[in-house]
Amino acid sequence: RAALGAYAEWAGRVGADVAAAETDAALQAMQEAGATSFGRMFTSGADAEQHMLSVEAAMLRSGAALEAEFDAQATDFLAGMPSHLLMSAGRQLLEERKSEREAMTRVREVVSEIVRELEMVQQSLDNTGTLRKSKEEAVEEFTKASKQAKKTQRNLTR
């Protein structure tokens, strides 16, 4: 959040677009001052001087805004960008995403193993399943081997 806040603050104060908006506002103010005061500058009295000062101030503000816009266009505004904050936030987000990805990979592996084991259980419970048949064959072979081993043991002890 700090990085986004710093970026928003930076973006709101730099660049040619910001300077152009300030120039547009100053030029608009000068047009308004000109529309209301320009004609009254040529009348006699203290009122005329006040209108002349109003137009002069608006023109000076517009000139300063134009100069600031020109400077902004010539400035490398990216140099002041809060890159370190954005990079740090990006790295932190990358680490969080890696952790999430690793966790989801592990969850997928565990679920796959559970599914495989459930399929094996289903096959062994099913009378027509191949595992049940191979289990019965293995038990039968084990029983035969066990009987043969006992018989051999008896013959060896005689």
N, C-alpha and C. Protein backbone atom coordinates (compact mmCIF):
# COMPACT_ATOMS: atom_id res chain seq x y z
N ARG A 1 0.83 -1.20 0.00
CA ARG A 1 0.00 0.00 0.00
C ARG A 1 0.86 1.25 0.00
N ALA A 2 1.96 1.18 0.75
CA ALA A 2 2.85 2.34 0.80
C ALA A 2 3.42 2.63 -0.58
N ALA A 3 3.76 1.58 -1.30
CA ALA A 3 4.32 1.76 -2.64
C ALA A 3 3.29 2.39 -3.57
N LEU A 4 2.05 1.92 -3.50
CA LEU A 4 1.00 2.49 -4.36
C LEU A 4 0.71 3.93 -3.98
N GLY A 5 0.74 4.21 -2.68
CA GLY A 5 0.52 5.58 -2.23
C GLY A 5 1.63 6.50 -2.71
N ALA A 6 2.88 6.03 -2.60
CA ALA A 6 4.02 6.83 -3.06
C ALA A 6 3.94 7.05 -4.56
N TYR A 7 3.54 6.01 -5.29
CA TYR A 7 3.43 6.14 -6.74
C TYR A 7 2.33 7.14 -7.10
N ALA A 8 1.19 7.05 -6.44
CA ALA A 8 0.08 7.96 -6.73
C ALA A 8 0.48 9.40 -6.43
N GLU A 9 1.19 9.60 -5.33
CA GLU A 9 1.63 10.94 -4.96
C GLU A 9 2.62 11.46 -5.99
N TRP A 10 3.56 10.59 -6.41
CA TRP A 10 4.55 10.97 -7.41
C TRP A 10 3.88 11.29 -8.75
N ALA A 11 2.96 10.42 -9.17
CA ALA A 11 2.30 10.61 -10.46
C ALA A 11 1.45 11.88 -10.47
N GLY A 12 0.96 12.27 -9.32
CA GLY A 12 0.12 13.46 -9.24
C GLY A 12 0.89 14.76 -9.25
N ARG A 13 2.22 14.69 -9.07
CA ARG A 13 2.99 15.94 -8.99
C ARG A 13 4.05 16.09 -10.07
N VAL A 14 4.25 15.11 -10.92
CA VAL A 14 5.30 15.21 -11.93
C VAL A 14 4.77 14.98 -13.32
N GLY A 15 5.60 15.32 -14.26
CA GLY A 15 5.30 15.00 -15.65
C GLY A 15 4.71 16.16 -16.41
N ALA A 16 4.81 16.04 -17.70
CA ALA A 16 4.32 17.08 -18.59
C ALA A 16 2.81 17.22 -18.52
N ASP A 17 2.11 16.13 -18.25
CA ASP A 17 0.64 16.20 -18.18
C ASP A 17 0.18 17.08 -17.02
N VAL A 18 0.85 16.95 -15.87
CA VAL A 18 0.49 17.77 -14.71
C VAL A 18 0.78 19.24 -15.01
N ALA A 19 1.95 19.49 -15.58
CA ALA A 19 2.31 20.87 -15.92
C ALA A 19 1.37 21.43 -16.98
N ALA A 20 0.97 20.62 -17.94
CA ALA A 20 0.05 21.07 -18.98
C ALA A 20 -1.31 21.43 -18.38
N ALA A 21 -1.75 20.65 -17.41
CA ALA A 21 -3.03 20.95 -16.75
C ALA A 21 -2.95 22.27 -16.00
N GLU A 22 -1.80 22.52 -15.35
CA GLU A 22 -1.62 23.79 -14.64
C GLU A 22 -1.57 24.95 -15.62
N THR A 23 -0.93 24.74 -16.77
CA THR A 23 -0.89 25.78 -17.80
C THR A 23 -2.29 26.06 -18.33
N ASP A 24 -3.05 25.01 -18.59
CA ASP A 24 -4.42 25.19 -19.07
C ASP A 24 -5.25 26.00 -18.08
N ALA A 25 -5.08 25.69 -16.79
CA ALA A 25 -5.84 26.42 -15.77
C ALA A 25 -5.41 27.89 -15.73
N ALA A 26 -4.10 28.17 -15.85
CA ALA A 26 -3.61 29.55 -15.83
C ALA A 26 -4.09 30.31 -17.07
N LEU A 27 -4.07 29.65 -18.21
CA LEU A 27 -4.54 30.30 -19.44
C LEU A 27 -6.05 30.58 -19.38
N GLN A 28 -6.79 29.65 -18.79
CA GLN A 28 -8.23 29.86 -18.61
C GLN A 28 -8.48 31.06 -17.70
N ALA A 29 -7.70 31.15 -16.62
CA ALA A 29 -7.84 32.30 -15.71
C ALA A 29 -7.47 33.60 -16.41
N MET A 30 -6.46 33.57 -17.28
CA MET A 30 -6.08 34.77 -18.03
C MET A 30 -7.19 35.18 -18.99
N GLN A 31 -7.81 34.20 -19.65
CA GLN A 31 -8.91 34.52 -20.56
C GLN A 31 -10.08 35.15 -19.80
N GLU A 32 -10.36 34.61 -18.64
CA GLU A 32 -11.46 35.15 -17.83
C GLU A 32 -11.13 36.57 -17.36
N ALA A 33 -9.86 36.77 -16.93
CA ALA A 33 -9.46 38.11 -16.49
C ALA A 33 -9.52 39.08 -17.67
N GLY A 34 -9.09 38.59 -18.82
CA GLY A 34 -9.15 39.45 -20.01
C GLY A 34 -10.57 39.79 -20.39
N ALA A 35 -11.46 38.83 -20.31
CA ALA A 35 -12.86 39.07 -20.69
C ALA A 35 -13.52 40.08 -19.77
N THR A 36 -13.18 40.05 -18.50
CA THR A 36 -13.84 40.96 -17.55
C THR A 36 -13.08 42.27 -17.38
N SER A 37 -11.77 42.27 -17.54
CA SER A 37 -11.00 43.47 -17.20
C SER A 37 -10.39 44.20 -18.38
N PHE A 38 -10.21 43.54 -19.52
CA PHE A 38 -9.47 44.14 -20.62
C PHE A 38 -10.12 45.45 -21.09
N GLY A 39 -11.40 45.42 -21.33
CA GLY A 39 -12.09 46.62 -21.80
C GLY A 39 -12.09 47.72 -20.75
N ARG A 40 -12.12 47.38 -19.50
CA ARG A 40 -12.20 48.36 -18.42
C ARG A 40 -10.83 49.00 -18.12
N MET A 41 -9.76 48.44 -18.69
CA MET A 41 -8.43 49.01 -18.47
C MET A 41 -8.31 50.39 -19.12
N PHE A 42 -9.12 50.64 -20.13
CA PHE A 42 -8.98 51.88 -20.89
C PHE A 42 -9.94 52.97 -20.44
N THR A 43 -10.60 52.73 -19.34
CA THR A 43 -11.45 53.77 -18.76
C THR A 43 -10.60 54.60 -17.81
N SER A 44 -11.10 55.70 -17.41
CA SER A 44 -10.31 56.55 -16.49
C SER A 44 -10.64 56.18 -15.05
N GLY A 45 -9.69 56.47 -14.16
CA GLY A 45 -9.92 56.29 -12.74
C GLY A 45 -9.13 55.13 -12.15
N ALA A 46 -9.32 54.96 -10.85
CA ALA A 46 -8.59 53.93 -10.10
C ALA A 46 -9.04 52.54 -10.52
N ASP A 47 -10.26 52.46 -10.98
CA ASP A 47 -10.81 51.17 -11.43
C ASP A 47 -10.00 50.61 -12.60
N ALA A 48 -9.58 51.48 -13.49
CA ALA A 48 -8.83 51.05 -14.68
C ALA A 48 -7.50 50.45 -14.27
N GLU A 49 -6.83 51.06 -13.31
CA GLU A 49 -5.53 50.53 -12.87
C GLU A 49 -5.69 49.16 -12.22
N GLN A 50 -6.74 48.97 -11.47
CA GLN A 50 -6.99 47.68 -10.83
C GLN A 50 -7.22 46.60 -11.89
N HIS A 51 -7.96 46.91 -12.93
CA HIS A 51 -8.21 45.95 -14.00
C HIS A 51 -6.91 45.66 -14.77
N MET A 52 -6.09 46.70 -14.95
CA MET A 52 -4.82 46.50 -15.63
C MET A 52 -3.92 45.57 -14.81
N LEU A 53 -3.89 45.76 -13.50
CA LEU A 53 -3.10 44.90 -12.63
C LEU A 53 -3.63 43.46 -12.64
N SER A 54 -4.95 43.30 -12.74
CA SER A 54 -5.56 41.96 -12.79
C SER A 54 -5.14 41.23 -14.05
N VAL A 55 -5.18 41.91 -15.19
CA VAL A 55 -4.78 41.29 -16.46
C VAL A 55 -3.29 40.99 -16.43
N GLU A 56 -2.49 41.92 -15.91
CA GLU A 56 -1.03 41.72 -15.84
C GLU A 56 -0.70 40.51 -14.96
N ALA A 57 -1.36 40.37 -13.82
CA ALA A 57 -1.10 39.23 -12.92
C ALA A 57 -1.49 37.91 -13.59
N ALA A 58 -2.61 37.90 -14.31
CA ALA A 58 -3.05 36.69 -15.01
C ALA A 58 -2.05 36.32 -16.10
N MET A 59 -1.53 37.34 -16.80
CA MET A 59 -0.54 37.07 -17.85
C MET A 59 0.76 36.54 -17.24
N LEU A 60 1.19 37.07 -16.13
CA LEU A 60 2.41 36.59 -15.46
C LEU A 60 2.24 35.15 -14.98
N ARG A 61 1.07 34.85 -14.43
CA ARG A 61 0.81 33.47 -13.99
C ARG A 61 0.83 32.51 -15.18
N SER A 62 0.24 32.94 -16.29
CA SER A 62 0.24 32.09 -17.49
C SER A 62 1.66 31.89 -18.01
N GLY A 63 2.45 32.95 -18.01
CA GLY A 63 3.85 32.83 -18.46
C GLY A 63 4.64 31.89 -17.57
N ALA A 64 4.44 32.00 -16.26
CA ALA A 64 5.15 31.11 -15.33
C ALA A 64 4.70 29.66 -15.52
N ALA A 65 3.40 29.46 -15.77
CA ALA A 65 2.90 28.11 -15.99
C ALA A 65 3.45 27.53 -17.28
N LEU A 66 3.54 28.36 -18.34
CA LEU A 66 4.12 27.89 -19.61
C LEU A 66 5.60 27.53 -19.43
N GLU A 67 6.31 28.34 -18.68
CA GLU A 67 7.73 28.05 -18.42
C GLU A 67 7.88 26.76 -17.61
N ALA A 68 7.02 26.56 -16.61
CA ALA A 68 7.06 25.33 -15.82
C ALA A 68 6.73 24.11 -16.68
N GLU A 69 5.79 24.28 -17.62
CA GLU A 69 5.45 23.17 -18.51
C GLU A 69 6.63 22.83 -19.41
N PHE A 70 7.30 23.87 -19.93
CA PHE A 70 8.48 23.64 -20.77
C PHE A 70 9.56 22.91 -19.97
N ASP A 71 9.80 23.34 -18.73
CA ASP A 71 10.79 22.67 -17.87
C ASP A 71 10.40 21.22 -17.61
N ALA A 72 9.10 20.97 -17.39
CA ALA A 72 8.64 19.60 -17.12
C ALA A 72 8.85 18.71 -18.32
N GLN A 73 8.67 19.27 -19.52
CA GLN A 73 8.87 18.48 -20.72
C GLN A 73 10.35 18.13 -20.92
N ALA A 74 11.23 18.96 -20.40
CA ALA A 74 12.66 18.73 -20.55
C ALA A 74 13.24 17.93 -19.39
N THR A 75 12.43 17.62 -18.39
CA THR A 75 12.91 16.93 -17.19
C THR A 75 12.66 15.43 -17.28
N ASP A 76 13.60 14.67 -16.76
CA ASP A 76 13.42 13.21 -16.68
C ASP A 76 12.62 12.93 -15.41
N PHE A 77 11.30 12.92 -15.54
CA PHE A 77 10.46 12.75 -14.36
C PHE A 77 10.51 11.32 -13.81
N LEU A 78 11.00 10.37 -14.60
CA LEU A 78 11.13 9.00 -14.10
C LEU A 78 12.24 8.88 -13.06
N ALA A 79 13.16 9.86 -13.07
CA ALA A 79 14.26 9.80 -12.08
C ALA A 79 13.73 9.92 -10.65
N GLY A 80 12.62 10.60 -10.48
CA GLY A 80 12.06 10.77 -9.14
C GLY A 80 11.01 9.73 -8.78
N MET A 81 10.80 8.76 -9.66
CA MET A 81 9.78 7.73 -9.42
C MET A 81 10.19 6.87 -8.23
N PRO A 82 9.25 6.51 -7.37
CA PRO A 82 9.59 5.69 -6.20
C PRO A 82 9.78 4.22 -6.60
N SER A 83 10.77 3.98 -7.45
CA SER A 83 11.00 2.64 -8.00
C SER A 83 11.33 1.62 -6.92
N HIS A 84 12.14 2.03 -5.95
CA HIS A 84 12.54 1.06 -4.92
C HIS A 84 11.34 0.53 -4.15
N LEU A 85 10.37 1.40 -3.89
CA LEU A 85 9.17 0.94 -3.19
C LEU A 85 8.36 -0.01 -4.07
N LEU A 86 8.23 0.34 -5.35
CA LEU A 86 7.47 -0.51 -6.26
C LEU A 86 8.17 -1.86 -6.46
N MET A 87 9.50 -1.84 -6.59
CA MET A 87 10.25 -3.08 -6.76
C MET A 87 10.14 -3.95 -5.50
N SER A 88 10.24 -3.33 -4.35
CA SER A 88 10.13 -4.08 -3.10
C SER A 88 8.75 -4.71 -2.97
N ALA A 89 7.72 -3.95 -3.29
CA ALA A 89 6.36 -4.49 -3.23
C ALA A 89 6.19 -5.62 -4.24
N GLY A 90 6.79 -5.47 -5.41
CA GLY A 90 6.72 -6.52 -6.43
C GLY A 90 7.40 -7.79 -5.99
N ARG A 91 8.56 -7.65 -5.37
CA ARG A 91 9.28 -8.84 -4.86
C ARG A 91 8.48 -9.54 -3.76
N GLN A 92 7.90 -8.75 -2.88
CA GLN A 92 7.09 -9.31 -1.80
C GLN A 92 5.89 -10.06 -2.38
N LEU A 93 5.25 -9.48 -3.37
CA LEU A 93 4.11 -10.13 -4.01
C LEU A 93 4.55 -11.40 -4.72
N LEU A 94 5.72 -11.37 -5.35
CA LEU A 94 6.25 -12.56 -6.03
C LEU A 94 6.47 -13.68 -5.03
N GLU A 95 7.05 -13.38 -3.87
CA GLU A 95 7.28 -14.41 -2.85
C GLU A 95 5.96 -14.99 -2.36
N GLU A 96 4.97 -14.13 -2.16
CA GLU A 96 3.66 -14.62 -1.73
C GLU A 96 3.05 -15.53 -2.79
N ARG A 97 3.16 -15.13 -4.04
CA ARG A 97 2.62 -15.95 -5.12
C ARG A 97 3.36 -17.28 -5.24
N LYS A 98 4.68 -17.27 -5.04
CA LYS A 98 5.45 -18.52 -5.08
C LYS A 98 4.97 -19.45 -3.98
N SER A 99 4.81 -18.91 -2.78
CA SER A 99 4.34 -19.73 -1.65
C SER A 99 2.97 -20.32 -1.94
N GLU A 100 2.08 -19.50 -2.48
CA GLU A 100 0.74 -19.98 -2.82
C GLU A 100 0.81 -21.07 -3.88
N ARG A 101 1.67 -20.87 -4.87
CA ARG A 101 1.80 -21.85 -5.95
C ARG A 101 2.34 -23.17 -5.40
N GLU A 102 3.36 -23.08 -4.54
CA GLU A 102 3.92 -24.30 -3.96
C GLU A 102 2.87 -25.02 -3.11
N ALA A 103 2.10 -24.26 -2.35
CA ALA A 103 1.06 -24.87 -1.53
C ALA A 103 -0.01 -25.54 -2.40
N MET A 104 -0.40 -24.88 -3.46
CA MET A 104 -1.41 -25.46 -4.34
C MET A 104 -0.87 -26.68 -5.08
N THR A 105 0.40 -26.67 -5.43
CA THR A 105 1.01 -27.85 -6.05
C THR A 105 0.98 -29.02 -5.09
N ARG A 106 1.32 -28.76 -3.84
CA ARG A 106 1.29 -29.82 -2.83
C ARG A 106 -0.14 -30.33 -2.62
N VAL A 107 -1.11 -29.42 -2.57
CA VAL A 107 -2.51 -29.82 -2.42
C VAL A 107 -2.92 -30.71 -3.59
N ARG A 108 -2.52 -30.33 -4.81
CA ARG A 108 -2.87 -31.13 -5.99
C ARG A 108 -2.24 -32.52 -5.90
N GLU A 109 -0.97 -32.59 -5.44
CA GLU A 109 -0.32 -33.89 -5.31
C GLU A 109 -1.02 -34.76 -4.28
N VAL A 110 -1.40 -34.17 -3.14
CA VAL A 110 -2.07 -34.93 -2.09
C VAL A 110 -3.43 -35.42 -2.57
N VAL A 111 -4.17 -34.55 -3.25
CA VAL A 111 -5.48 -34.95 -3.76
C VAL A 111 -5.33 -36.07 -4.78
N SER A 112 -4.32 -35.99 -5.64
CA SER A 112 -4.09 -37.05 -6.63
C SER A 112 -3.78 -38.37 -5.93
N GLU A 113 -2.97 -38.31 -4.90
CA GLU A 113 -2.63 -39.53 -4.14
C GLU A 113 -3.88 -40.11 -3.47
N ILE A 114 -4.69 -39.25 -2.89
CA ILE A 114 -5.93 -39.72 -2.25
C ILE A 114 -6.84 -40.38 -3.27
N VAL A 115 -6.98 -39.76 -4.44
CA VAL A 115 -7.82 -40.33 -5.49
C VAL A 115 -7.29 -41.69 -5.90
N ARG A 116 -5.96 -41.80 -6.08
CA ARG A 116 -5.36 -43.08 -6.47
C ARG A 116 -5.61 -44.15 -5.41
N GLU A 117 -5.44 -43.78 -4.15
CA GLU A 117 -5.68 -44.74 -3.07
C GLU A 117 -7.15 -45.14 -3.00
N LEU A 118 -8.04 -44.19 -3.20
CA LEU A 118 -9.47 -44.52 -3.17
C LEU A 118 -9.84 -45.46 -4.31
N GLU A 119 -9.21 -45.25 -5.47
CA GLU A 119 -9.46 -46.16 -6.59
C GLU A 119 -8.97 -47.56 -6.26
N MET A 120 -7.81 -47.67 -5.59
CA MET A 120 -7.29 -48.98 -5.20
C MET A 120 -8.23 -49.65 -4.20
N VAL A 121 -8.72 -48.87 -3.24
CA VAL A 121 -9.66 -49.43 -2.26
C VAL A 121 -10.92 -49.90 -2.96
N GLN A 122 -11.41 -49.10 -3.90
CA GLN A 122 -12.61 -49.47 -4.64
C GLN A 122 -12.39 -50.78 -5.40
N GLN A 123 -11.23 -50.91 -6.03
CA GLN A 123 -10.94 -52.13 -6.77
C GLN A 123 -10.84 -53.34 -5.85
N SER A 124 -10.27 -53.15 -4.68
CA SER A 124 -10.14 -54.30 -3.78
C SER A 124 -11.48 -54.68 -3.16
N LEU A 125 -12.40 -53.74 -3.05
CA LEU A 125 -13.72 -54.06 -2.52
C LEU A 125 -14.62 -54.67 -3.58
N ASP A 126 -14.33 -54.40 -4.80
CA ASP A 126 -15.14 -54.91 -5.91
C ASP A 126 -14.72 -56.35 -6.20
N ASN A 127 -15.67 -57.25 -6.23
CA ASN A 127 -15.37 -58.66 -6.48
C ASN A 127 -14.73 -58.90 -7.84
N THR A 128 -15.03 -58.04 -8.79
CA THR A 128 -14.47 -58.23 -10.12
C THR A 128 -13.18 -57.42 -10.31
N GLY A 129 -12.74 -56.70 -9.29
CA GLY A 129 -11.55 -55.86 -9.41
C GLY A 129 -10.28 -56.68 -9.52
N THR A 130 -9.33 -56.18 -10.24
CA THR A 130 -8.08 -56.90 -10.45
C THR A 130 -7.25 -56.98 -9.18
N LEU A 131 -7.33 -55.96 -8.36
CA LEU A 131 -6.55 -56.01 -7.12
C LEU A 131 -7.05 -57.11 -6.19
N ARG A 132 -8.35 -57.27 -6.15
CA ARG A 132 -8.89 -58.33 -5.28
C ARG A 132 -8.36 -59.69 -5.75
N LYS A 133 -8.39 -59.90 -7.07
CA LYS A 133 -7.91 -61.17 -7.61
C LYS A 133 -6.43 -61.34 -7.33
N SER A 134 -5.64 -60.29 -7.54
CA SER A 134 -4.20 -60.43 -7.31
C SER A 134 -3.92 -60.59 -5.81
N LYS A 135 -4.76 -59.99 -4.96
CA LYS A 135 -4.60 -60.15 -3.52
C LYS A 135 -4.86 -61.61 -3.15
N GLU A 136 -5.93 -62.18 -3.70
CA GLU A 136 -6.25 -63.58 -3.41
C GLU A 136 -5.14 -64.50 -3.90
N GLU A 137 -4.59 -64.20 -5.08
CA GLU A 137 -3.49 -65.00 -5.60
C GLU A 137 -2.26 -64.86 -4.70
N ALA A 138 -1.99 -63.68 -4.24
CA ALA A 138 -0.83 -63.45 -3.37
C ALA A 138 -1.01 -64.19 -2.05
N VAL A 139 -2.22 -64.15 -1.48
CA VAL A 139 -2.48 -64.86 -0.23
C VAL A 139 -2.30 -66.36 -0.44
N GLU A 140 -2.80 -66.84 -1.56
CA GLU A 140 -2.68 -68.27 -1.88
C GLU A 140 -1.20 -68.65 -2.02
N GLU A 141 -0.43 -67.87 -2.75
CA GLU A 141 1.00 -68.15 -2.91
C GLU A 141 1.73 -68.06 -1.57
N PHE A 142 1.35 -67.09 -0.74
CA PHE A 142 1.98 -66.95 0.57
C PHE A 142 1.68 -68.17 1.44
N THR A 143 0.44 -68.64 1.39
CA THR A 143 0.07 -69.82 2.16
C THR A 143 0.87 -71.03 1.70
N LYS A 144 0.98 -71.24 0.39
CA LYS A 144 1.77 -72.36 -0.15
C LYS A 144 3.22 -72.23 0.26
N ALA A 145 3.76 -71.01 0.15
CA ALA A 145 5.17 -70.81 0.51
C ALA A 145 5.39 -71.04 1.99
N SER A 146 4.43 -70.63 2.79
CA SER A 146 4.53 -70.83 4.24
C SER A 146 4.52 -72.32 4.58
N LYS A 147 3.61 -73.09 3.95
CA LYS A 147 3.55 -74.53 4.18
C LYS A 147 4.84 -75.19 3.74
N GLN A 148 5.39 -74.79 2.58
CA GLN A 148 6.64 -75.35 2.07
C GLN A 148 7.79 -75.03 3.02
N ALA A 149 7.80 -73.82 3.56
CA ALA A 149 8.87 -73.42 4.48
C ALA A 149 8.81 -74.26 5.75
N LYS A 150 7.61 -74.49 6.29
CA LYS A 150 7.46 -75.32 7.49
C LYS A 150 7.91 -76.76 7.23
N LYS A 151 7.54 -77.27 6.05
CA LYS A 151 7.91 -78.63 5.67
C LYS A 151 9.43 -78.75 5.56
N THR A 152 10.05 -77.76 4.95
CA THR A 152 11.52 -77.76 4.81
C THR A 152 12.16 -77.65 6.17
N GLN A 153 11.61 -76.89 7.05
CA GLN A 153 12.17 -76.73 8.39
C GLN A 153 12.10 -78.06 9.15
N ARG A 154 10.98 -78.75 9.03
CA ARG A 154 10.85 -80.05 9.70
C ARG A 154 11.90 -81.02 9.16
N ASN A 155 12.09 -81.04 7.84
CA ASN A 155 13.06 -81.96 7.25
C ASN A 155 14.47 -81.64 7.69
N LEU A 156 14.77 -80.38 7.91
CA LEU A 156 16.11 -79.97 8.32
C LEU A 156 16.37 -80.30 9.80
N THR A 157 15.36 -80.31 10.61
CA THR A 157 15.53 -80.59 12.04
C THR A 157 15.60 -82.07 12.33
N ARG A 158 15.33 -82.93 11.44
CA ARG A 158 15.37 -84.37 11.68
C ARG A 158 16.71 -84.88 11.70
